[in-house]
Amino acid sequence: MEPIEIWGMVFEIVRKQLPTPTVWLAMQAVKPLTIDGNYFIAALPPQEQYLASSLLDDQTATAIEEALREITGRILAFRLIRGQTLADWEQEKASESAPLSEPAPTPTSAPASVPTPTSVPGHAVMGKAAPYLPSADPPRSVSPTWERLNERLMHGYKTAPFIKYPHGQAQYVLAAVQCVSDTMDVLMPPPGAPRDDQQERALAKVIERLGSVVNLDPLFLSLELLRFRGAQGKWAENTL
């Protein structure tokens, strides 16, 4: 199916789910461009740019992406680009693939508020493996792109219960680790395949951004991620 045909079907599904006229108006103004990898690429005419916020809030974007999955049978992220053409999308992709800047120096020890491995469920104690026991449901398990994962992690932080308390922050971190791991299963190369440097850099950006939000060393978050994946039998390749 062509993107314009898919979008017409998406509109009919979302219109029944979200009784919000501004969302309907925004969706009718959308110009579908293409499907590129895990993205459904679209644009808004210059005079309709004020409608973008109606499409990009978490509820609407999620409804659109669920409709895309229902119609196409695959996970696709809805992506509104800044330009109007496929050439604009190519330029946007090129800018996003720029190398990471050198990370700022990280502290040599974890923050004082970070619990030790023996006090966190799921850590190995005295050499014995323990099951990883998440304390909260993730804001959303699987995201079709790293950008959507970032958006959902940020939304989850804003709406997480008891986030002002240390235990609430810990619950959020465990839930966020699950989100990142589930998204890795979709976007990273399968086991045994060569590692993809672009995906590795994108993952690093997610972890660094999450670390800045919860005020934790990205290395600590990476260890939590590896522990969780290890408990699921998804250990990363040994690089030593």
Protein backbone atom coordinates (compact mmCIF):
# COMPACT_ATOMS: atom_id res chain seq x y z
CA MET A 1 0.00 0.00 0.00
CA GLU A 2 1.07 3.57 -0.63
CA PRO A 3 1.65 5.85 2.38
CA ILE A 4 -1.35 7.99 1.50
CA GLU A 5 -3.61 4.92 1.48
CA ILE A 6 -2.21 3.71 4.80
CA TRP A 7 -2.72 7.14 6.34
CA GLY A 8 -6.35 7.23 5.26
CA MET A 9 -6.95 3.95 7.08
CA VAL A 10 -5.04 5.18 10.13
CA PHE A 11 -7.25 8.26 10.24
CA GLU A 12 -10.42 6.19 10.30
CA ILE A 13 -9.12 4.05 13.19
CA VAL A 14 -7.85 6.97 15.27
CA ARG A 15 -10.99 9.03 14.63
CA LYS A 16 -13.07 6.35 16.33
CA GLN A 17 -10.70 6.13 19.31
CA LEU A 18 -10.03 9.82 19.97
CA PRO A 19 -13.09 12.09 19.84
CA THR A 20 -10.93 15.19 19.51
CA PRO A 21 -11.72 17.47 16.54
CA THR A 22 -8.32 19.16 16.64
CA VAL A 23 -6.65 15.76 16.19
CA TRP A 24 -8.93 14.97 13.25
CA LEU A 25 -8.14 18.34 11.67
CA ALA A 26 -4.41 17.80 12.15
CA MET A 27 -4.51 14.29 10.67
CA GLN A 28 -6.41 15.52 7.63
CA ALA A 29 -3.72 18.14 7.06
CA VAL A 30 -0.87 15.60 7.17
CA LYS A 31 1.04 14.86 3.98
CA PRO A 32 2.32 11.24 4.07
CA LEU A 33 5.73 10.93 2.41
CA THR A 34 7.21 7.44 2.77
CA ILE A 35 8.01 4.49 5.00
CA ASP A 36 11.71 4.41 5.82
CA GLY A 37 12.89 1.56 8.04
CA ASN A 38 10.90 1.82 11.26
CA TYR A 39 9.53 5.27 10.43
CA PHE A 40 6.30 6.42 8.82
CA ILE A 41 7.43 9.80 7.50
CA ALA A 42 4.96 12.65 7.14
CA ALA A 43 4.87 16.44 6.95
CA LEU A 44 2.51 19.32 7.57
CA PRO A 45 2.10 22.26 5.19
CA PRO A 46 3.71 25.48 6.47
CA GLN A 47 0.35 27.08 7.15
CA GLU A 48 -0.74 24.05 9.23
CA GLN A 49 2.35 23.75 11.44
CA TYR A 50 0.41 24.93 14.47
CA LEU A 51 -1.40 21.56 14.40
CA ALA A 52 1.77 19.54 15.02
CA SER A 53 1.38 19.52 18.81
CA SER A 54 -2.01 17.83 18.45
CA LEU A 55 -0.33 14.90 16.70
CA LEU A 56 2.76 14.55 18.86
CA ASP A 57 1.30 14.33 22.34
CA ASP A 58 1.78 10.87 23.82
CA GLN A 59 -1.84 9.71 23.59
CA THR A 60 -2.29 10.69 19.94
CA ALA A 61 1.12 9.46 18.79
CA THR A 62 0.54 6.12 20.51
CA ALA A 63 -2.90 5.76 18.90
CA ILE A 64 -1.42 6.53 15.48
CA GLU A 65 1.41 4.04 15.91
CA GLU A 66 -0.93 1.30 17.12
CA ALA A 67 -3.11 1.91 14.05
CA LEU A 68 -0.03 1.77 11.82
CA ARG A 69 0.91 -1.56 13.36
CA GLU A 70 -2.62 -2.90 12.89
CA ILE A 71 -2.66 -1.95 9.22
CA THR A 72 0.91 -2.79 8.20
CA GLY A 73 1.60 -5.69 10.55
CA ARG A 74 4.83 -4.13 11.79
CA ILE A 75 6.07 -1.60 14.35
CA LEU A 76 6.36 1.87 12.83
CA ALA A 77 7.06 5.22 14.44
CA PHE A 78 5.05 8.20 13.30
CA ARG A 79 7.56 10.90 12.40
CA LEU A 80 6.67 14.48 11.48
CA ILE A 81 9.67 16.06 9.79
CA ARG A 82 10.59 19.71 9.84
CA GLY A 83 10.56 20.00 6.04
CA GLN A 84 8.11 19.12 3.31
CA THR A 85 9.88 16.68 0.98
CA LEU A 86 11.81 13.41 0.95
CA ALA A 87 14.97 15.44 0.41
CA ASP A 88 14.24 17.23 3.69
CA TRP A 89 13.91 13.86 5.40
CA GLU A 90 17.25 12.68 4.00
CA GLN A 91 18.89 15.83 5.32
CA GLU A 92 17.31 15.30 8.74
CA LYS A 93 18.56 11.70 8.84
CA ALA A 94 22.06 12.82 7.95
CA SER A 95 22.13 15.35 10.75
CA GLU A 96 20.95 12.73 13.27
CA SER A 97 23.68 10.28 12.28
CA ALA A 98 26.44 12.71 13.24
CA PRO A 99 28.94 11.17 15.69
CA LEU A 100 28.42 11.55 19.41
CA SER A 101 30.42 14.28 21.07
CA GLU A 102 32.89 13.24 23.71
CA PRO A 103 30.98 12.55 26.93
CA ALA A 104 31.68 14.67 29.98
CA PRO A 105 33.86 13.05 32.65
CA THR A 106 31.82 10.86 34.95
CA PRO A 107 32.37 10.46 38.68
CA THR A 108 34.58 7.60 39.78
CA SER A 109 31.99 6.39 42.24
CA ALA A 110 28.23 6.12 42.16
CA PRO A 111 26.19 8.87 43.87
CA ALA A 112 25.66 8.40 47.59
CA SER A 113 21.95 7.78 47.08
CA VAL A 114 22.54 4.84 44.73
CA PRO A 115 21.80 1.55 46.50
CA THR A 116 24.50 -1.09 46.63
CA PRO A 117 24.03 -4.28 44.60
CA THR A 118 23.14 -6.30 47.70
CA SER A 119 20.21 -4.00 48.47
CA VAL A 120 18.57 -4.04 45.04
CA PRO A 121 16.29 -6.96 44.02
CA GLY A 122 17.80 -9.03 41.26
CA HIS A 123 21.47 -8.49 42.02
CA ALA A 124 23.80 -11.39 42.66
CA VAL A 125 24.67 -11.79 46.36
CA MET A 126 27.82 -13.63 47.45
CA GLY A 127 28.20 -15.17 44.03
CA LYS A 128 24.62 -16.49 43.84
CA ALA A 129 22.41 -15.39 40.98
CA ALA A 130 19.08 -13.85 41.95
CA PRO A 131 16.10 -13.19 39.69
CA TYR A 132 15.63 -9.64 38.48
CA LEU A 133 12.42 -8.40 40.04
CA PRO A 134 11.15 -5.16 38.47
CA SER A 135 9.15 -3.00 40.83
CA ALA A 136 6.91 -1.21 38.34
CA ASP A 137 5.42 -1.56 34.92
CA PRO A 138 7.37 0.33 32.24
CA PRO A 139 5.87 3.53 30.80
CA ARG A 140 5.63 1.54 27.55
CA SER A 141 7.43 -1.70 26.73
CA VAL A 142 8.46 -1.49 23.08
CA SER A 143 9.18 1.64 21.04
CA PRO A 144 9.75 1.50 17.29
CA THR A 145 12.59 4.06 17.32
CA TRP A 146 15.07 5.45 19.80
CA GLU A 147 13.40 8.86 19.52
CA ARG A 148 10.03 7.46 20.55
CA LEU A 149 11.70 5.58 23.39
CA ASN A 150 13.17 8.84 24.65
CA GLU A 151 9.79 10.53 24.47
CA ARG A 152 8.09 7.73 26.39
CA LEU A 153 10.79 7.58 29.02
CA MET A 154 10.45 11.32 29.60
CA HIS A 155 6.66 11.07 29.73
CA GLY A 156 6.96 8.15 32.14
CA TYR A 157 9.21 10.18 34.43
CA LYS A 158 6.74 13.06 34.54
CA THR A 159 3.83 10.77 35.39
CA ALA A 160 5.60 8.20 37.59
CA PRO A 161 3.99 7.82 41.02
CA PHE A 162 6.04 8.94 44.04
CA ILE A 163 8.88 10.13 41.77
CA LYS A 164 9.87 12.70 44.43
CA TYR A 165 10.83 9.87 46.79
CA PRO A 166 13.94 7.67 46.45
CA HIS A 167 11.89 4.47 46.20
CA GLY A 168 9.71 6.03 43.50
CA GLN A 169 12.81 6.98 41.53
CA ALA A 170 14.17 3.46 41.92
CA GLN A 171 10.90 1.98 40.61
CA TYR A 172 11.07 4.29 37.62
CA VAL A 173 14.69 3.34 36.86
CA LEU A 174 13.87 -0.40 36.92
CA ALA A 175 10.89 0.20 34.66
CA ALA A 176 12.95 2.35 32.29
CA VAL A 177 15.61 -0.38 32.06
CA GLN A 178 12.91 -2.81 30.89
CA CYS A 179 11.75 -0.30 28.26
CA VAL A 180 15.27 0.12 26.93
CA SER A 181 15.87 -3.64 26.85
CA ASP A 182 12.61 -4.36 25.01
CA THR A 183 13.40 -1.68 22.44
CA MET A 184 16.89 -3.14 21.97
CA ASP A 185 15.23 -6.43 20.98
CA VAL A 186 13.49 -4.58 18.14
CA LEU A 187 16.21 -2.22 16.92
CA MET A 188 19.55 -3.91 17.65
CA PRO A 189 20.97 -6.66 15.39
CA PRO A 190 19.90 -10.20 16.35
CA PRO A 191 22.24 -12.47 18.33
CA GLY A 192 25.23 -13.57 16.26
CA ALA A 193 24.93 -10.70 13.77
CA PRO A 194 27.65 -8.03 13.51
CA ARG A 195 27.15 -5.15 15.92
CA ASP A 196 25.81 -1.94 14.38
CA ASP A 197 27.80 1.14 15.39
CA GLN A 198 24.93 3.51 14.56
CA GLN A 199 22.53 1.59 16.81
CA GLU A 200 25.16 1.37 19.55
CA ARG A 201 25.58 5.15 19.47
CA ALA A 202 21.82 5.65 19.53
CA LEU A 203 21.55 3.37 22.56
CA ALA A 204 24.33 5.32 24.28
CA LYS A 205 22.42 8.56 23.72
CA VAL A 206 19.30 7.07 25.31
CA ILE A 207 21.24 5.92 28.37
CA GLU A 208 23.07 9.24 28.73
CA ARG A 209 19.82 11.20 28.48
CA LEU A 210 18.13 8.92 31.01
CA GLY A 211 21.11 9.36 33.33
CA SER A 212 20.77 13.14 33.17
CA VAL A 213 17.08 12.90 34.07
CA VAL A 214 17.48 10.61 37.08
CA ASN A 215 20.88 12.04 38.07
CA LEU A 216 22.71 8.72 37.79
CA ASP A 217 25.98 7.81 36.13
CA PRO A 218 25.24 6.30 32.67
CA LEU A 219 27.68 3.52 33.55
CA PHE A 220 25.50 2.54 36.52
CA LEU A 221 22.40 2.50 34.28
CA SER A 222 24.27 0.39 31.73
CA LEU A 223 25.15 -2.13 34.44
CA GLU A 224 21.49 -2.30 35.46
CA LEU A 225 20.57 -2.86 31.81
CA LEU A 226 23.10 -5.68 31.45
CA ARG A 227 21.92 -7.31 34.67
CA PHE A 228 18.33 -7.23 33.49
CA ARG A 229 19.20 -8.65 30.08
CA GLY A 230 21.42 -11.25 31.72
CA ALA A 231 18.50 -12.41 33.85
CA GLN A 232 16.62 -12.93 30.58
CA GLY A 233 19.49 -14.83 28.99
CA LYS A 234 20.46 -11.90 26.77
CA TRP A 235 24.00 -11.17 27.91
CA ALA A 236 26.01 -8.98 25.58
CA GLU A 237 29.03 -10.49 23.86
CA ASN A 238 32.12 -10.66 26.03
CA THR A 239 34.52 -8.00 24.78
CA LEU A 240 37.41 -8.80 27.15
